[in-house]
Amino acid sequence: MDQDIRDKFTELEKKVDSVDSKTDKTNERIDDLEARLYDSETNIKIIQTTMNLILNDTKEIKGDIKEIKKNREEDHFVRPIEKSEKLRNQIFGVVIGILVSGFVVYLFPMLK
């Protein structure tokens, strides 16, 4: 009977050792998973920060493109129209001046 108890006790010790070994391995796996999870969270935060920077840069670039487009339209359409209108007004003023001076000379021929 003592031998049976010793055998069962030895068997139980082996089972406890086996459970302890499995528990240690499981704890190591859990630690490894926690480390991986932390790394993943860090990587996600880095990706989010990078995406936010990219979005901000994209918005800035879009603003710059709109400004360049506005300047281009002004340089190619608005300014030339203003210049042509200014030139037309100057020509119109010269023609009116010539007509007025001709009319004055016609009315007052002695001014020649």
N, C-alpha and C. Protein backbone atom coordinates (compact mmCIF):
# COMPACT_ATOMS: atom_id res chain seq x y z
N MET A 1 0.80 -1.17 0.00
CA MET A 1 0.00 0.00 0.00
C MET A 1 0.86 1.26 0.00
N ASP A 2 1.91 1.24 0.75
CA ASP A 2 2.82 2.38 0.74
C ASP A 2 3.41 2.58 -0.66
N GLN A 3 3.66 1.48 -1.29
CA GLN A 3 4.23 1.57 -2.64
C GLN A 3 3.22 2.19 -3.60
N ASP A 4 1.97 1.86 -3.49
CA ASP A 4 0.93 2.44 -4.35
C ASP A 4 0.82 3.95 -4.12
N ILE A 5 0.90 4.33 -2.86
CA ILE A 5 0.81 5.76 -2.53
C ILE A 5 2.02 6.48 -3.09
N ARG A 6 3.20 5.86 -2.97
CA ARG A 6 4.41 6.48 -3.50
C ARG A 6 4.33 6.60 -5.02
N ASP A 7 3.83 5.54 -5.65
CA ASP A 7 3.70 5.58 -7.12
C ASP A 7 2.73 6.67 -7.54
N LYS A 8 1.62 6.78 -6.85
CA LYS A 8 0.64 7.81 -7.18
C LYS A 8 1.22 9.20 -6.90
N PHE A 9 1.95 9.29 -5.79
CA PHE A 9 2.58 10.57 -5.46
C PHE A 9 3.60 10.96 -6.53
N THR A 10 4.39 9.98 -6.97
CA THR A 10 5.38 10.22 -8.02
C THR A 10 4.68 10.61 -9.32
N GLU A 11 3.61 9.93 -9.59
CA GLU A 11 2.85 10.24 -10.80
C GLU A 11 2.26 11.64 -10.72
N LEU A 12 1.75 12.00 -9.56
CA LEU A 12 1.22 13.35 -9.37
C LEU A 12 2.32 14.40 -9.49
N GLU A 13 3.50 14.11 -8.96
CA GLU A 13 4.62 15.06 -9.09
C GLU A 13 4.98 15.26 -10.55
N LYS A 14 4.98 14.17 -11.32
CA LYS A 14 5.28 14.27 -12.75
C LYS A 14 4.22 15.14 -13.46
N LYS A 15 2.95 14.92 -13.08
CA LYS A 15 1.88 15.72 -13.67
C LYS A 15 2.01 17.18 -13.29
N VAL A 16 2.36 17.45 -12.04
CA VAL A 16 2.55 18.84 -11.59
C VAL A 16 3.72 19.46 -12.34
N ASP A 17 4.81 18.71 -12.48
CA ASP A 17 5.96 19.22 -13.24
C ASP A 17 5.57 19.51 -14.68
N SER A 18 4.78 18.62 -15.26
CA SER A 18 4.34 18.80 -16.64
C SER A 18 3.45 20.06 -16.75
N VAL A 19 2.56 20.23 -15.78
CA VAL A 19 1.68 21.41 -15.77
C VAL A 19 2.51 22.67 -15.56
N ASP A 20 3.48 22.60 -14.66
CA ASP A 20 4.36 23.77 -14.44
C ASP A 20 5.13 24.12 -15.71
N SER A 21 5.61 23.11 -16.40
CA SER A 21 6.35 23.33 -17.64
C SER A 21 5.44 23.96 -18.69
N LYS A 22 4.23 23.43 -18.82
CA LYS A 22 3.28 23.99 -19.77
C LYS A 22 2.89 25.42 -19.39
N THR A 23 2.74 25.65 -18.11
CA THR A 23 2.40 27.00 -17.63
C THR A 23 3.53 27.98 -17.95
N ASP A 24 4.77 27.54 -17.74
CA ASP A 24 5.92 28.40 -18.06
C ASP A 24 5.95 28.72 -19.56
N LYS A 25 5.72 27.70 -20.38
CA LYS A 25 5.71 27.92 -21.82
C LYS A 25 4.56 28.86 -22.21
N THR A 26 3.42 28.66 -21.58
CA THR A 26 2.27 29.53 -21.87
C THR A 26 2.56 30.96 -21.45
N ASN A 27 3.20 31.14 -20.29
CA ASN A 27 3.56 32.49 -19.84
C ASN A 27 4.55 33.15 -20.80
N GLU A 28 5.50 32.36 -21.30
CA GLU A 28 6.45 32.90 -22.27
C GLU A 28 5.72 33.33 -23.55
N ARG A 29 4.78 32.52 -24.00
CA ARG A 29 4.01 32.87 -25.20
C ARG A 29 3.18 34.12 -24.96
N ILE A 30 2.59 34.22 -23.76
CA ILE A 30 1.81 35.42 -23.43
C ILE A 30 2.70 36.65 -23.42
N ASP A 31 3.89 36.53 -22.84
CA ASP A 31 4.83 37.66 -22.82
C ASP A 31 5.22 38.06 -24.25
N ASP A 32 5.46 37.05 -25.08
CA ASP A 32 5.81 37.32 -26.48
C ASP A 32 4.65 38.01 -27.20
N LEU A 33 3.43 37.54 -26.96
CA LEU A 33 2.25 38.15 -27.58
C LEU A 33 2.07 39.59 -27.09
N GLU A 34 2.31 39.83 -25.82
CA GLU A 34 2.19 41.19 -25.28
C GLU A 34 3.23 42.11 -25.93
N ALA A 35 4.43 41.60 -26.11
CA ALA A 35 5.47 42.41 -26.76
C ALA A 35 5.08 42.71 -28.20
N ARG A 36 4.56 41.70 -28.90
CA ARG A 36 4.12 41.91 -30.28
C ARG A 36 2.97 42.91 -30.34
N LEU A 37 2.05 42.80 -29.40
CA LEU A 37 0.92 43.72 -29.34
C LEU A 37 1.40 45.15 -29.12
N TYR A 38 2.34 45.32 -28.22
CA TYR A 38 2.90 46.65 -27.97
C TYR A 38 3.58 47.20 -29.23
N ASP A 39 4.35 46.33 -29.90
CA ASP A 39 4.99 46.76 -31.15
C ASP A 39 3.95 47.13 -32.20
N SER A 40 2.89 46.34 -32.28
CA SER A 40 1.83 46.63 -33.25
C SER A 40 1.15 47.95 -32.94
N GLU A 41 0.88 48.19 -31.65
CA GLU A 41 0.26 49.46 -31.27
C GLU A 41 1.17 50.63 -31.61
N THR A 42 2.45 50.45 -31.38
CA THR A 42 3.41 51.50 -31.71
C THR A 42 3.43 51.75 -33.21
N ASN A 43 3.43 50.67 -33.98
CA ASN A 43 3.43 50.80 -35.44
C ASN A 43 2.16 51.48 -35.93
N ILE A 44 1.03 51.15 -35.32
CA ILE A 44 -0.24 51.78 -35.70
C ILE A 44 -0.19 53.27 -35.40
N LYS A 45 0.36 53.65 -34.25
CA LYS A 45 0.47 55.07 -33.91
C LYS A 45 1.38 55.79 -34.90
N ILE A 46 2.47 55.15 -35.29
CA ILE A 46 3.38 55.75 -36.27
C ILE A 46 2.67 55.91 -37.61
N ILE A 47 1.91 54.90 -38.01
CA ILE A 47 1.17 54.97 -39.27
C ILE A 47 0.14 56.08 -39.22
N GLN A 48 -0.58 56.20 -38.10
CA GLN A 48 -1.58 57.26 -37.96
C GLN A 48 -0.93 58.63 -38.03
N THR A 49 0.20 58.79 -37.37
CA THR A 49 0.91 60.07 -37.40
C THR A 49 1.36 60.38 -38.83
N THR A 50 1.89 59.39 -39.50
CA THR A 50 2.33 59.58 -40.88
C THR A 50 1.16 59.95 -41.78
N MET A 51 0.03 59.27 -41.61
CA MET A 51 -1.15 59.58 -42.41
C MET A 51 -1.63 61.00 -42.15
N ASN A 52 -1.62 61.42 -40.89
CA ASN A 52 -2.03 62.79 -40.57
C ASN A 52 -1.09 63.80 -41.22
N LEU A 53 0.20 63.52 -41.20
CA LEU A 53 1.16 64.42 -41.85
C LEU A 53 0.92 64.47 -43.36
N ILE A 54 0.66 63.31 -43.94
CA ILE A 54 0.40 63.25 -45.38
C ILE A 54 -0.87 64.03 -45.72
N LEU A 55 -1.92 63.87 -44.91
CA LEU A 55 -3.16 64.61 -45.15
C LEU A 55 -2.94 66.11 -45.04
N ASN A 56 -2.19 66.54 -44.02
CA ASN A 56 -1.90 67.96 -43.87
C ASN A 56 -1.10 68.48 -45.06
N ASP A 57 -0.10 67.70 -45.49
CA ASP A 57 0.70 68.11 -46.64
C ASP A 57 -0.16 68.17 -47.90
N THR A 58 -1.07 67.22 -48.04
CA THR A 58 -1.96 67.19 -49.20
C THR A 58 -2.85 68.43 -49.22
N LYS A 59 -3.39 68.78 -48.06
CA LYS A 59 -4.23 69.98 -47.97
C LYS A 59 -3.41 71.23 -48.33
N GLU A 60 -2.19 71.29 -47.84
CA GLU A 60 -1.32 72.43 -48.13
C GLU A 60 -1.01 72.49 -49.63
N ILE A 61 -0.73 71.34 -50.22
CA ILE A 61 -0.44 71.29 -51.65
C ILE A 61 -1.67 71.71 -52.46
N LYS A 62 -2.85 71.26 -52.05
CA LYS A 62 -4.07 71.66 -52.75
C LYS A 62 -4.26 73.17 -52.68
N GLY A 63 -3.99 73.75 -51.50
CA GLY A 63 -4.09 75.20 -51.36
C GLY A 63 -3.10 75.91 -52.26
N ASP A 64 -1.88 75.38 -52.32
CA ASP A 64 -0.86 75.98 -53.20
C ASP A 64 -1.27 75.87 -54.67
N ILE A 65 -1.84 74.75 -55.04
CA ILE A 65 -2.27 74.56 -56.43
C ILE A 65 -3.38 75.55 -56.77
N LYS A 66 -4.33 75.75 -55.84
CA LYS A 66 -5.40 76.72 -56.08
C LYS A 66 -4.82 78.12 -56.25
N GLU A 67 -3.84 78.46 -55.42
CA GLU A 67 -3.22 79.78 -55.51
C GLU A 67 -2.47 79.93 -56.84
N ILE A 68 -1.75 78.89 -57.24
CA ILE A 68 -1.03 78.93 -58.52
C ILE A 68 -2.02 79.06 -59.67
N LYS A 69 -3.12 78.33 -59.60
CA LYS A 69 -4.14 78.40 -60.64
C LYS A 69 -4.72 79.80 -60.72
N LYS A 70 -5.00 80.39 -59.58
CA LYS A 70 -5.54 81.76 -59.53
C LYS A 70 -4.54 82.74 -60.14
N ASN A 71 -3.26 82.60 -59.75
CA ASN A 71 -2.23 83.49 -60.30
C ASN A 71 -2.08 83.29 -61.81
N ARG A 72 -2.18 82.06 -62.26
CA ARG A 72 -2.06 81.78 -63.69
C ARG A 72 -3.21 82.44 -64.45
N GLU A 73 -4.43 82.27 -63.93
CA GLU A 73 -5.58 82.88 -64.59
C GLU A 73 -5.42 84.40 -64.63
N GLU A 74 -4.93 84.96 -63.53
CA GLU A 74 -4.73 86.41 -63.49
C GLU A 74 -3.67 86.83 -64.49
N ASP A 75 -2.56 86.10 -64.55
CA ASP A 75 -1.47 86.45 -65.46
C ASP A 75 -1.87 86.28 -66.93
N HIS A 76 -2.68 85.27 -67.23
CA HIS A 76 -2.98 84.97 -68.62
C HIS A 76 -4.29 85.58 -69.13
N PHE A 77 -5.18 85.97 -68.21
CA PHE A 77 -6.46 86.48 -68.65
C PHE A 77 -6.76 87.88 -68.13
N VAL A 78 -6.65 88.08 -66.84
CA VAL A 78 -7.05 89.35 -66.24
C VAL A 78 -6.10 90.47 -66.62
N ARG A 79 -4.82 90.30 -66.44
CA ARG A 79 -3.86 91.36 -66.74
C ARG A 79 -3.84 91.73 -68.22
N PRO A 80 -3.82 90.76 -69.14
CA PRO A 80 -3.86 91.16 -70.55
C PRO A 80 -5.13 91.94 -70.91
N ILE A 81 -6.26 91.55 -70.32
CA ILE A 81 -7.50 92.28 -70.59
C ILE A 81 -7.39 93.70 -70.04
N GLU A 82 -6.84 93.85 -68.85
CA GLU A 82 -6.66 95.18 -68.27
C GLU A 82 -5.73 96.01 -69.15
N LYS A 83 -4.66 95.41 -69.63
CA LYS A 83 -3.72 96.14 -70.49
C LYS A 83 -4.39 96.56 -71.79
N SER A 84 -5.15 95.65 -72.40
CA SER A 84 -5.81 95.99 -73.67
C SER A 84 -6.87 97.06 -73.45
N GLU A 85 -7.58 97.00 -72.33
CA GLU A 85 -8.57 98.04 -72.03
C GLU A 85 -7.88 99.39 -71.81
N LYS A 86 -6.77 99.38 -71.12
CA LYS A 86 -6.01 100.61 -70.88
C LYS A 86 -5.52 101.19 -72.20
N LEU A 87 -4.99 100.35 -73.08
CA LEU A 87 -4.50 100.79 -74.39
C LEU A 87 -5.66 101.33 -75.22
N ARG A 88 -6.79 100.63 -75.19
CA ARG A 88 -7.97 101.08 -75.94
C ARG A 88 -8.44 102.44 -75.45
N ASN A 89 -8.46 102.62 -74.12
CA ASN A 89 -8.87 103.92 -73.56
C ASN A 89 -7.90 105.03 -73.96
N GLN A 90 -6.59 104.71 -73.99
CA GLN A 90 -5.61 105.71 -74.40
C GLN A 90 -5.80 106.07 -75.87
N ILE A 91 -6.00 105.07 -76.71
CA ILE A 91 -6.22 105.34 -78.14
C ILE A 91 -7.50 106.15 -78.33
N PHE A 92 -8.54 105.75 -77.59
CA PHE A 92 -9.81 106.47 -77.66
C PHE A 92 -9.62 107.93 -77.24
N GLY A 93 -8.85 108.19 -76.20
CA GLY A 93 -8.57 109.55 -75.74
C GLY A 93 -7.81 110.35 -76.78
N VAL A 94 -6.81 109.72 -77.43
CA VAL A 94 -6.04 110.42 -78.46
C VAL A 94 -6.94 110.78 -79.64
N VAL A 95 -7.79 109.83 -80.08
CA VAL A 95 -8.69 110.08 -81.21
C VAL A 95 -9.65 111.21 -80.87
N ILE A 96 -10.21 111.20 -79.67
CA ILE A 96 -11.12 112.27 -79.26
C ILE A 96 -10.38 113.60 -79.20
N GLY A 97 -9.14 113.57 -78.70
CA GLY A 97 -8.34 114.80 -78.65
C GLY A 97 -8.10 115.36 -80.04
N ILE A 98 -7.80 114.48 -81.00
CA ILE A 98 -7.57 114.92 -82.38
C ILE A 98 -8.85 115.51 -82.96
N LEU A 99 -9.97 114.83 -82.72
CA LEU A 99 -11.25 115.32 -83.23
C LEU A 99 -11.61 116.67 -82.62
N VAL A 100 -11.42 116.79 -81.30
CA VAL A 100 -11.74 118.05 -80.63
C VAL A 100 -10.84 119.17 -81.14
N SER A 101 -9.54 118.88 -81.29
CA SER A 101 -8.63 119.92 -81.79
C SER A 101 -8.97 120.28 -83.24
N GLY A 102 -9.34 119.29 -84.05
CA GLY A 102 -9.77 119.57 -85.44
C GLY A 102 -11.03 120.40 -85.47
N PHE A 103 -11.96 120.09 -84.59
CA PHE A 103 -13.21 120.85 -84.53
C PHE A 103 -12.95 122.28 -84.08
N VAL A 104 -12.05 122.45 -83.10
CA VAL A 104 -11.72 123.79 -82.61
C VAL A 104 -11.04 124.58 -83.73
N VAL A 105 -10.15 123.94 -84.48
CA VAL A 105 -9.48 124.63 -85.60
C VAL A 105 -10.50 124.98 -86.68
N TYR A 106 -11.49 124.11 -86.90
CA TYR A 106 -12.52 124.36 -87.89
C TYR A 106 -13.38 125.56 -87.48
N LEU A 107 -13.74 125.61 -86.15
CA LEU A 107 -14.56 126.72 -85.68
C LEU A 107 -13.76 128.04 -85.63
N PHE A 108 -12.52 127.92 -85.27
CA PHE A 108 -11.70 129.12 -85.14
C PHE A 108 -10.47 129.00 -86.06
N PRO A 109 -10.62 129.22 -87.35
CA PRO A 109 -9.52 129.03 -88.29
C PRO A 109 -8.38 130.01 -88.03
N MET A 110 -8.61 131.07 -87.34
CA MET A 110 -7.57 132.04 -87.10
C MET A 110 -6.54 131.54 -86.08
N LEU A 111 -6.83 130.42 -85.38
CA LEU A 111 -5.90 129.88 -84.36
C LEU A 111 -4.75 129.11 -85.00
N LYS A 112 -4.82 128.83 -86.25
CA LYS A 112 -3.77 128.08 -86.92
C LYS A 112 -2.47 128.69 -86.83
